[in-house]
């Protein structure tokens, strides 16, 4: 769970596209700023997306439909 959003991290990652980050003078930053957008775009364009994650020897599954978590 992400305390700030009160939702699972996987749900945040797959339902929101990153908008980039603040760039300060002299700071190195990746070009394009689209890193990590792929999965949220696939989710948004899919009629159904099922994600399985293994963490701490346990499997977790979340279902998404047209960009939204099925639990929403």
Protein backbone atom coordinates (compact mmCIF):
# COMPACT_ATOMS: atom_id res chain seq x y z
CA UNK A 1 0.00 0.00 0.00
CA UNK A 2 1.15 3.51 -0.77
CA UNK A 3 0.30 5.62 2.28
CA UNK A 4 0.06 8.83 0.25
CA UNK A 5 -2.59 7.42 -2.13
CA UNK A 6 -4.09 4.75 0.17
CA UNK A 7 -3.95 2.30 -2.75
CA UNK A 8 -1.65 -0.58 -3.74
CA UNK A 9 1.50 0.53 -5.58
CA UNK A 10 0.66 -1.76 -8.50
CA UNK A 11 -2.67 0.02 -9.00
CA UNK A 12 -0.99 3.44 -8.99
CA UNK A 13 1.66 2.31 -11.49
CA UNK A 14 -0.85 0.78 -13.91
CA UNK A 15 -3.56 3.46 -13.78
CA UNK A 16 -1.54 6.68 -13.91
CA UNK A 17 1.03 7.86 -16.42
CA UNK A 18 4.02 9.70 -14.94
CA UNK A 19 4.10 13.36 -15.93
CA UNK A 20 7.82 13.73 -15.56
CA UNK A 21 9.73 15.33 -12.75
CA UNK A 22 11.19 18.68 -11.90
CA UNK A 23 14.52 19.29 -13.60
CA UNK A 24 17.05 21.45 -11.80
CA UNK A 25 19.98 23.20 -13.49
CA UNK A 26 22.99 20.89 -13.67
CA UNK A 27 20.95 17.79 -12.83
CA UNK A 28 21.24 14.73 -15.04
CA UNK A 29 17.87 13.44 -16.27
CA UNK A 30 16.65 10.81 -18.74
CA UNK A 31 15.70 11.93 -22.22
CA UNK A 32 12.13 11.54 -23.38
CA UNK A 33 10.52 11.38 -19.94
CA UNK A 34 8.31 8.48 -21.04
CA UNK A 35 10.06 5.81 -19.00
CA UNK A 36 7.45 3.60 -17.34
CA UNK A 37 4.49 4.84 -19.38
CA UNK A 38 4.13 1.62 -21.41
CA UNK A 39 2.19 -0.49 -18.94
CA UNK A 40 -0.30 2.27 -18.05
CA UNK A 41 -0.95 2.89 -21.76
CA UNK A 42 -1.46 -0.83 -22.45
CA UNK A 43 -3.87 -0.92 -19.53
CA UNK A 44 -5.80 2.10 -20.78
CA UNK A 45 -6.17 0.62 -24.27
CA UNK A 46 -7.03 -2.93 -23.16
CA UNK A 47 -10.51 -4.25 -22.54
CA UNK A 48 -8.98 -6.45 -19.83
CA UNK A 49 -5.54 -6.77 -18.26
CA UNK A 50 -4.60 -9.29 -15.57
CA UNK A 51 -1.37 -8.72 -13.64
CA UNK A 52 0.26 -11.32 -11.42
CA UNK A 53 3.03 -10.37 -9.01
CA UNK A 54 5.10 -12.59 -6.74
CA UNK A 55 6.31 -10.95 -3.56
CA UNK A 56 7.58 -12.56 -0.34
CA UNK A 57 6.84 -16.04 -1.78
CA UNK A 58 3.16 -15.19 -2.31
CA UNK A 59 1.32 -14.55 -5.57
CA UNK A 60 -0.98 -11.54 -5.93
CA UNK A 61 -3.32 -10.84 -8.84
CA UNK A 62 -5.05 -7.63 -9.90
CA UNK A 63 -7.52 -7.22 -12.75
CA UNK A 64 -7.94 -4.04 -14.75
CA UNK A 65 -10.49 -3.04 -17.37
CA UNK A 66 -10.09 -0.09 -19.74
CA UNK A 67 -7.51 1.61 -17.54
CA UNK A 68 -9.20 1.10 -14.18
CA UNK A 69 -8.71 -1.41 -11.41
CA UNK A 70 -11.57 -3.89 -11.21
CA UNK A 71 -11.87 -3.02 -7.50
CA UNK A 72 -12.54 0.67 -8.28
